[in-house]
Amino acid sequence: MIYNTLGKTGLEVSRLGFGTMRLPTKTNNADINKEEASKMLTYAIENGVNIIDTAYPYHSEGLEGSGESERFLGEYFKENSYRDEIILQTKSPVWAVEKKSDFDMFLDEQLEKLQTDYIDIYMLHSLNVADWEKVRDLNVFDFLDDALSSGKVKHVGFSSHIEVDYVIEIIDEYPKWEVAMTQLNYLDEYYQSGVMGTNYLKQVNMGSMIMEPLRGGRLVNNIPDEVKELWDMAEVKRTPVEWALQYLWNRDDVDCVFSGMTTMDQVKDNIRIASTEDVISDYDKEIIREVARTYRTFLGNDCTRCGYCMPCPHGVDIINCLTEYNIAHMMRDPKASAMQYFSLIDDDSRADSCVQCEECIPFCTQMLNIPEELQKVYEYFGSEFDHF
């Protein structure tokens, strides 16, 4: 296994982290196959993985609520001696916080579920602009200060799916941030905070953690023939998983990449790749760029995110609705973006809230019939999350 220093934390972390959002299950998403998941974790730890990520809602029946992932990890660590060897990371469900005391309530509940006295890295989970403004007004900095001074939390950070300007704003408002988790893969260089976000994290010496390296598995499954032909042209032959992971590990602004692994084969394969130094040539980097350009030809519409259609008088988040639709369409599977569509866009801002007023049409630089496109988004994703 290869290790990196996680920014100003000084922690030496395996460059592959074990994400526990997609553990093997039996009857439903909340019914973790504990025997198989335990075997996978043990193999990962004994082969060099030293950081595990979870969160309050992981492995719940829906997108919110108290999930089973933390509880499973608490039981797992109670049965073995690995806890002190592992950097354990979990996240505060900021969307559910309504008053300042809720921060402590959730942290204490998570400590109990995890059966531990401390959490190595505690993050504010999936910050968006509205939740950030809410928790800031609820004095979240005081809570983080207290959590650190009490020893319940060793290091603090946040995860986000927002644009780089907001990520920088959040970082600059609190000097004790040490880590951040953002989404990046070779398709998402300029999506959300993208490469500009990881570059800024590097500049301020914050640990840079990456989520969705495989785009929920969509970069390695059902590969289009056009993409296969490009991979075949590379100087070094790599599997789709190797391309996706090594792309990130070839960057000097990425410290740790989390992969949500569902099978033992995935664990073994990811560890093999993480333990291999693989410098991508300039020629092969151009192949990666061409693969990304090819995927973009599969977009569902020509939206450029210019923003001239916003704000919608009826509150529809037109830009992000079309963006998540385009990404899912590009990957030829609604699951590619369904979770982000339903979790990052408010209920009354999704495509089904469009009332066909057509006020946005004259402002579209690409001459899209936006109400018609929003209807396509609604038909593609549906009106509720059932994509587990």
Protein backbone atom coordinates (compact mmCIF):
# COMPACT_ATOMS: atom_id res chain seq x y z
CA MET A 1 0.00 0.00 0.00
CA ILE A 2 1.14 3.55 -0.74
CA TYR A 3 0.56 6.26 1.88
CA ASN A 4 0.25 10.05 1.75
CA THR A 5 0.35 12.78 4.38
CA LEU A 6 -3.16 14.13 4.86
CA GLY A 7 -2.44 17.85 4.72
CA LYS A 8 -2.00 19.69 8.00
CA THR A 9 -3.39 16.75 10.03
CA GLY A 10 0.01 15.06 9.69
CA LEU A 11 -1.79 11.72 9.46
CA GLU A 12 -0.28 9.12 7.16
CA VAL A 13 -3.23 7.69 5.24
CA SER A 14 -3.50 4.89 2.73
CA ARG A 15 -4.23 6.49 -0.60
CA LEU A 16 -7.20 4.11 -0.89
CA GLY A 17 -9.89 4.67 1.71
CA PHE A 18 -12.75 2.25 2.39
CA GLY A 19 -16.11 3.92 1.90
CA THR A 20 -18.98 2.18 3.68
CA MET A 21 -21.88 3.58 1.72
CA ARG A 22 -22.21 0.56 -0.58
CA LEU A 23 -21.56 -2.45 1.63
CA PRO A 24 -23.07 -5.78 0.53
CA THR A 25 -26.71 -6.14 1.57
CA LYS A 26 -29.34 -8.87 1.78
CA THR A 27 -33.00 -7.80 1.50
CA ASN A 28 -32.72 -3.98 1.35
CA ASN A 29 -30.22 -1.16 1.69
CA ALA A 30 -30.48 -1.18 5.49
CA ASP A 31 -29.92 -4.93 5.75
CA ILE A 32 -26.12 -5.17 5.61
CA ASN A 33 -24.59 -8.57 4.95
CA LYS A 34 -22.46 -8.31 8.07
CA GLU A 35 -20.51 -11.53 7.56
CA GLU A 36 -19.38 -10.60 4.06
CA ALA A 37 -18.80 -6.93 4.92
CA SER A 38 -16.65 -7.97 7.90
CA LYS A 39 -14.50 -10.18 5.70
CA MET A 40 -14.02 -7.32 3.24
CA LEU A 41 -13.00 -4.86 5.96
CA THR A 42 -10.60 -7.32 7.55
CA TYR A 43 -8.93 -8.05 4.20
CA ALA A 44 -8.62 -4.32 3.50
CA ILE A 45 -7.11 -3.50 6.90
CA GLU A 46 -4.69 -6.42 6.82
CA ASN A 47 -3.56 -5.31 3.37
CA GLY A 48 -2.80 -1.73 4.27
CA VAL A 49 -6.04 0.31 4.19
CA ASN A 50 -6.00 2.45 7.33
CA ILE A 51 -8.88 4.89 6.85
CA ILE A 52 -12.60 4.09 6.82
CA ASP A 53 -15.36 6.54 5.98
CA THR A 54 -18.98 6.37 7.04
CA ALA A 55 -21.84 8.81 7.74
CA TYR A 56 -25.02 9.11 9.77
CA PRO A 57 -27.45 8.10 6.97
CA TYR A 58 -25.37 5.43 5.20
CA HIS A 59 -27.33 2.23 4.72
CA SER A 60 -30.69 3.63 5.71
CA GLU A 61 -33.78 2.62 3.75
CA GLY A 62 -33.97 6.07 2.16
CA LEU A 63 -31.67 9.05 1.71
CA GLU A 64 -32.06 10.28 5.28
CA GLY A 65 -32.60 8.88 8.76
CA SER A 66 -30.21 6.94 10.96
CA GLY A 67 -28.45 4.35 8.83
CA GLU A 68 -26.88 1.03 9.73
CA SER A 69 -23.33 1.65 8.49
CA GLU A 70 -22.11 3.31 11.70
CA ARG A 71 -23.82 0.70 13.82
CA PHE A 72 -22.23 -2.12 11.80
CA LEU A 73 -18.77 -0.56 12.18
CA GLY A 74 -19.28 -0.22 15.93
CA GLU A 75 -20.07 -3.92 16.20
CA TYR A 76 -17.19 -4.81 13.89
CA PHE A 77 -14.56 -2.92 15.90
CA LYS A 78 -15.94 -4.26 19.18
CA GLU A 79 -15.17 -7.78 17.96
CA ASN A 80 -11.52 -7.16 17.02
CA SER A 81 -8.48 -5.06 17.93
CA TYR A 82 -8.35 -2.84 14.85
CA ARG A 83 -9.93 0.35 16.20
CA ASP A 84 -6.71 2.05 17.32
CA GLU A 85 -5.01 1.16 14.03
CA ILE A 86 -7.72 2.79 11.92
CA ILE A 87 -8.48 6.40 11.10
CA LEU A 88 -12.26 6.45 11.51
CA GLN A 89 -14.19 9.19 9.75
CA THR A 90 -17.87 10.02 9.94
CA LYS A 91 -20.06 13.02 9.23
CA SER A 92 -22.67 15.22 10.87
CA PRO A 93 -26.10 15.23 9.15
CA VAL A 94 -26.28 19.01 8.82
CA TRP A 95 -29.58 18.91 6.89
CA ALA A 96 -31.28 17.53 10.01
CA VAL A 97 -29.84 20.11 12.42
CA GLU A 98 -32.48 22.63 13.53
CA LYS A 99 -30.89 24.09 16.67
CA LYS A 100 -27.38 24.29 18.08
CA SER A 101 -27.89 21.49 20.59
CA ASP A 102 -28.62 19.12 17.69
CA PHE A 103 -24.92 19.12 16.77
CA ASP A 104 -24.02 17.53 20.11
CA MET A 105 -27.03 15.24 20.03
CA PHE A 106 -26.00 13.74 16.68
CA LEU A 107 -22.32 13.50 17.63
CA ASP A 108 -23.14 11.66 20.85
CA GLU A 109 -25.49 9.34 19.00
CA GLN A 110 -22.79 8.58 16.44
CA LEU A 111 -20.19 7.89 19.13
CA GLU A 112 -22.64 5.45 20.69
CA LYS A 113 -23.41 3.74 17.39
CA LEU A 114 -19.71 3.46 16.59
CA GLN A 115 -18.97 2.24 20.14
CA THR A 116 -15.96 4.53 20.42
CA ASP A 117 -14.84 7.39 22.65
CA TYR A 118 -13.50 9.48 19.79
CA ILE A 119 -13.79 10.04 16.06
CA ASP A 120 -10.56 10.68 14.21
CA ILE A 121 -12.06 12.91 11.51
CA TYR A 122 -15.51 14.47 11.87
CA MET A 123 -17.03 16.23 8.88
CA LEU A 124 -20.03 18.39 8.17
CA HIS A 125 -21.75 16.22 5.61
CA SER A 126 -22.54 17.25 2.04
CA LEU A 127 -22.67 20.99 2.62
CA ASN A 128 -24.75 22.99 0.19
CA VAL A 129 -25.18 26.74 0.30
CA ALA A 130 -28.43 26.71 2.28
CA ASP A 131 -27.18 24.22 4.89
CA TRP A 132 -23.90 26.08 5.24
CA GLU A 133 -25.69 29.36 5.97
CA LYS A 134 -27.97 27.56 8.43
CA VAL A 135 -25.23 25.87 10.46
CA ARG A 136 -23.07 28.99 10.44
CA ASP A 137 -25.99 30.92 11.96
CA LEU A 138 -26.31 28.14 14.56
CA ASN A 139 -22.72 28.74 15.68
CA VAL A 140 -21.29 25.55 14.24
CA PHE A 141 -17.77 26.89 14.86
CA ASP A 142 -18.40 26.89 18.61
CA PHE A 143 -19.59 23.30 18.38
CA LEU A 144 -16.49 22.25 16.42
CA ASP A 145 -14.23 24.05 18.91
CA ASP A 146 -15.90 22.20 21.80
CA ALA A 147 -15.78 18.83 20.00
CA LEU A 148 -12.04 19.26 19.43
CA SER A 149 -11.25 20.46 22.95
CA SER A 150 -13.27 17.63 24.53
CA GLY A 151 -11.31 14.98 22.63
CA LYS A 152 -14.46 13.51 21.10
CA VAL A 153 -13.13 14.60 17.71
CA LYS A 154 -9.47 14.74 16.66
CA HIS A 155 -9.73 16.57 13.32
CA VAL A 156 -12.56 18.42 11.56
CA GLY A 157 -13.53 18.99 7.96
CA PHE A 158 -16.45 18.96 5.57
CA SER A 159 -17.70 17.26 2.42
CA SER A 160 -19.51 19.12 -0.31
CA HIS A 161 -21.06 18.94 -3.76
CA ILE A 162 -20.99 22.68 -4.43
CA GLU A 163 -19.15 25.10 -6.68
CA VAL A 164 -15.57 26.09 -5.97
CA ASP A 165 -16.39 29.67 -4.90
CA TYR A 166 -18.49 28.39 -2.02
CA VAL A 167 -15.89 25.78 -1.05
CA ILE A 168 -13.26 28.52 -0.80
CA GLU A 169 -15.66 30.69 1.23
CA ILE A 170 -16.26 27.86 3.71
CA ILE A 171 -12.53 27.11 4.02
CA ASP A 172 -11.65 30.75 4.62
CA GLU A 173 -14.20 31.21 7.41
CA TYR A 174 -12.78 28.69 9.89
CA PRO A 175 -9.04 28.29 10.50
CA LYS A 176 -9.33 24.87 12.16
CA TRP A 177 -10.52 23.00 9.07
CA GLU A 178 -7.97 20.30 8.26
CA VAL A 179 -9.63 18.16 5.58
CA ALA A 180 -12.27 18.36 2.88
CA MET A 181 -13.93 15.74 0.72
CA THR A 182 -14.98 16.71 -2.78
CA GLN A 183 -16.09 14.87 -5.90
CA LEU A 184 -13.57 14.36 -8.67
CA ASN A 185 -12.94 11.95 -11.52
CA TYR A 186 -11.76 12.44 -15.08
CA LEU A 187 -15.30 13.42 -16.16
CA ASP A 188 -15.83 15.86 -13.29
CA GLU A 189 -12.79 18.14 -13.59
CA TYR A 190 -15.06 21.18 -13.98
CA TYR A 191 -18.18 19.86 -12.24
CA GLN A 192 -18.91 21.14 -8.73
CA SER A 193 -15.60 22.31 -7.19
CA GLY A 194 -13.56 19.98 -9.44
CA VAL A 195 -9.84 20.47 -9.95
CA MET A 196 -9.98 24.10 -8.85
CA GLY A 197 -11.18 22.90 -5.46
CA THR A 198 -8.43 20.32 -5.02
CA ASN A 199 -5.85 22.89 -6.14
CA TYR A 200 -7.04 25.30 -3.45
CA LEU A 201 -6.96 22.60 -0.78
CA LYS A 202 -3.35 21.95 -1.72
CA GLN A 203 -2.53 25.67 -1.48
CA VAL A 204 -3.87 25.94 2.07
CA ASN A 205 -2.40 22.57 3.14
CA MET A 206 -5.75 20.93 3.84
CA GLY A 207 -6.09 17.21 3.38
CA SER A 208 -7.79 16.46 0.06
CA MET A 209 -10.14 13.48 -0.01
CA ILE A 210 -11.96 12.35 -3.13
CA MET A 211 -15.37 10.72 -3.44
CA GLU A 212 -17.06 9.21 -6.49
CA PRO A 213 -13.80 8.24 -8.27
CA LEU A 214 -15.73 5.75 -10.41
CA ARG A 215 -18.90 7.85 -10.68
CA GLY A 216 -20.82 5.28 -8.65
CA GLY A 217 -19.31 2.50 -10.79
CA ARG A 218 -20.51 4.04 -14.05
CA LEU A 219 -16.97 4.62 -15.34
CA VAL A 220 -16.25 0.91 -15.20
CA ASN A 221 -19.54 -0.70 -16.26
CA ASN A 222 -21.21 -0.81 -19.68
CA ILE A 223 -18.29 0.93 -21.38
CA PRO A 224 -19.35 2.32 -24.80
CA ASP A 225 -17.53 0.89 -27.81
CA GLU A 226 -16.22 4.35 -28.68
CA VAL A 227 -14.52 4.54 -25.29
CA LYS A 228 -13.13 1.00 -25.51
CA GLU A 229 -11.49 1.89 -28.80
CA LEU A 230 -9.76 4.86 -27.18
CA TRP A 231 -8.50 2.83 -24.23
CA ASP A 232 -7.07 0.31 -26.69
CA MET A 233 -4.95 3.09 -28.22
CA ALA A 234 -3.10 3.80 -24.96
CA GLU A 235 0.60 3.11 -24.48
CA VAL A 236 -0.13 1.19 -21.28
CA LYS A 237 -3.12 -1.15 -21.18
CA ARG A 238 -5.21 -0.58 -18.08
CA THR A 239 -8.60 -1.71 -16.87
CA PRO A 240 -11.33 0.95 -16.56
CA VAL A 241 -10.86 0.86 -12.77
CA GLU A 242 -7.12 1.40 -13.14
CA TRP A 243 -7.68 4.36 -15.46
CA ALA A 244 -10.10 6.02 -13.03
CA LEU A 245 -8.04 5.49 -9.87
CA GLN A 246 -4.59 6.13 -11.32
CA TYR A 247 -5.87 9.34 -12.92
CA LEU A 248 -6.48 10.61 -9.37
CA TRP A 249 -3.32 9.19 -7.82
CA ASN A 250 -1.25 10.86 -10.52
CA ARG A 251 -2.40 14.23 -9.15
CA ASP A 252 -0.32 15.91 -6.44
CA ASP A 253 -3.41 17.57 -4.93
CA VAL A 254 -5.15 14.30 -4.01
CA ASP A 255 -4.25 12.59 -0.73
CA CYS A 256 -6.87 9.88 -0.38
CA VAL A 257 -9.49 8.38 -2.68
CA PHE A 258 -12.53 6.70 -1.15
CA SER A 259 -14.17 3.84 -2.96
CA GLY A 260 -17.49 2.38 -1.88
CA MET A 261 -16.84 -1.33 -2.30
CA THR A 262 -19.57 -3.97 -2.46
CA THR A 263 -17.68 -7.21 -3.14
CA MET A 264 -14.46 -8.86 -2.03
CA ASP A 265 -13.24 -8.86 -5.62
CA GLN A 266 -13.58 -5.07 -5.71
CA VAL A 267 -11.62 -4.77 -2.47
CA LYS A 268 -8.80 -6.96 -3.75
CA ASP A 269 -8.64 -5.24 -7.12
CA ASN A 270 -8.64 -1.74 -5.63
CA ILE A 271 -5.92 -2.64 -3.13
CA ARG A 272 -3.80 -4.12 -5.91
CA ILE A 273 -4.13 -0.90 -7.91
CA ALA A 274 -3.50 1.31 -4.86
CA SER A 275 -0.31 -0.61 -4.13
CA THR A 276 1.07 -0.04 -7.64
CA GLU A 277 3.03 3.04 -8.65
CA ASP A 278 1.79 3.86 -12.16
CA VAL A 279 2.95 7.10 -13.76
CA ILE A 280 0.64 8.02 -16.64
CA SER A 281 2.46 9.32 -19.71
CA ASP A 282 1.53 12.57 -21.45
CA TYR A 283 0.20 10.52 -24.37
CA ASP A 284 -2.05 8.47 -22.11
CA LYS A 285 -3.24 11.61 -20.31
CA GLU A 286 -4.45 12.84 -23.68
CA ILE A 287 -6.30 9.52 -24.11
CA ILE A 288 -8.08 10.22 -20.81
CA ARG A 289 -9.07 13.67 -22.02
CA GLU A 290 -10.38 12.21 -25.28
CA VAL A 291 -12.40 9.61 -23.36
CA ALA A 292 -13.97 12.43 -21.32
CA ARG A 293 -14.78 14.35 -24.50
CA THR A 294 -16.34 11.24 -26.01
CA TYR A 295 -18.57 10.68 -22.98
CA ARG A 296 -19.78 14.26 -23.29
CA THR A 297 -21.10 13.58 -26.77
CA PHE A 298 -23.74 11.42 -25.08
CA LEU A 299 -25.24 14.39 -23.18
CA GLY A 300 -29.02 14.67 -23.20
CA ASN A 301 -29.11 18.34 -24.22
CA ASP A 302 -26.84 21.30 -24.95
CA CYS A 303 -27.19 23.16 -21.64
CA THR A 304 -23.96 25.07 -20.89
CA ARG A 305 -24.92 26.15 -17.34
CA CYS A 306 -24.71 29.81 -18.34
CA GLY A 307 -27.41 30.66 -15.79
CA TYR A 308 -29.37 33.15 -17.88
CA CYS A 309 -32.56 31.11 -17.28
CA MET A 310 -32.27 31.66 -13.53
CA PRO A 311 -33.86 32.42 -11.20
CA CYS A 312 -37.01 30.53 -12.13
CA PRO A 313 -40.10 32.46 -10.90
CA HIS A 314 -41.45 29.18 -9.53
CA GLY A 315 -38.25 28.08 -7.80
CA VAL A 316 -37.13 25.31 -10.16
CA ASP A 317 -33.35 24.74 -10.01
CA ILE A 318 -33.13 24.57 -13.80
CA ILE A 319 -29.35 24.44 -14.07
CA ASN A 320 -28.79 21.58 -11.65
CA CYS A 321 -31.81 19.62 -12.89
CA LEU A 322 -30.42 19.72 -16.42
CA THR A 323 -26.87 19.05 -15.22
CA GLU A 324 -27.74 15.88 -13.30
CA TYR A 325 -29.90 14.71 -16.20
CA ASN A 326 -27.07 15.31 -18.63
CA ILE A 327 -24.57 13.41 -16.51
CA ALA A 328 -26.92 10.48 -16.03
CA HIS A 329 -27.76 10.47 -19.73
CA MET A 330 -24.06 10.64 -20.58
CA MET A 331 -23.44 7.55 -18.44
CA ARG A 332 -26.57 5.89 -19.90
CA ASP A 333 -28.01 5.09 -16.50
CA PRO A 334 -30.25 7.21 -14.21
CA LYS A 335 -28.47 5.72 -11.19
CA ALA A 336 -25.36 7.65 -12.20
CA SER A 337 -26.89 10.84 -10.80
CA ALA A 338 -30.13 9.85 -9.09
CA MET A 339 -28.76 10.17 -5.57
CA GLN A 340 -27.35 13.62 -6.25
CA TYR A 341 -30.50 14.71 -8.07
CA PHE A 342 -32.70 13.79 -5.11
CA SER A 343 -30.35 14.75 -2.29
CA LEU A 344 -28.82 17.98 -3.60
CA ILE A 345 -31.91 19.53 -5.20
CA ASP A 346 -34.75 20.49 -2.86
CA ASP A 347 -38.12 18.77 -3.28
CA ASP A 348 -39.84 21.88 -4.60
CA SER A 349 -36.94 22.77 -6.91
CA ARG A 350 -36.87 19.59 -9.00
CA ALA A 351 -38.10 19.22 -12.55
CA ASP A 352 -41.63 18.16 -11.59
CA SER A 353 -42.17 21.63 -10.07
CA CYS A 354 -42.05 23.25 -13.51
CA VAL A 355 -45.44 24.80 -14.34
CA GLN A 356 -44.66 25.30 -18.06
CA CYS A 357 -44.84 29.09 -17.81
CA GLU A 358 -42.12 29.31 -20.51
CA GLU A 359 -40.66 32.54 -19.09
CA CYS A 360 -37.19 30.97 -19.24
CA ILE A 361 -37.23 30.13 -22.95
CA PRO A 362 -36.21 33.55 -24.35
CA PHE A 363 -33.15 33.62 -22.10
CA CYS A 364 -31.61 30.30 -23.16
CA THR A 365 -28.39 30.89 -25.12
CA GLN A 366 -28.68 27.39 -26.62
CA MET A 367 -32.31 27.93 -27.70
CA LEU A 368 -33.56 25.00 -25.64
CA ASN A 369 -37.23 24.56 -24.89
CA ILE A 370 -36.47 24.38 -21.18
CA PRO A 371 -39.92 23.22 -19.99
CA GLU A 372 -39.74 20.32 -22.47
CA GLU A 373 -36.25 19.46 -21.22
CA LEU A 374 -37.43 19.56 -17.61
CA GLN A 375 -40.23 17.17 -18.50
CA LYS A 376 -37.58 14.78 -19.84
CA VAL A 377 -35.70 15.11 -16.55
CA TYR A 378 -38.86 14.26 -14.59
CA GLU A 379 -39.60 11.24 -16.78
CA TYR A 380 -36.00 10.06 -16.46
CA PHE A 381 -35.59 10.28 -12.69
CA GLY A 382 -39.18 10.05 -11.46
CA SER A 383 -40.52 11.92 -8.46
CA GLU A 384 -38.92 9.97 -5.60
CA PHE A 385 -35.65 8.22 -4.87
CA ASP A 386 -35.94 4.48 -5.41
CA HIS A 387 -32.60 3.84 -7.12
CA PHE A 388 -30.75 1.76 -4.51
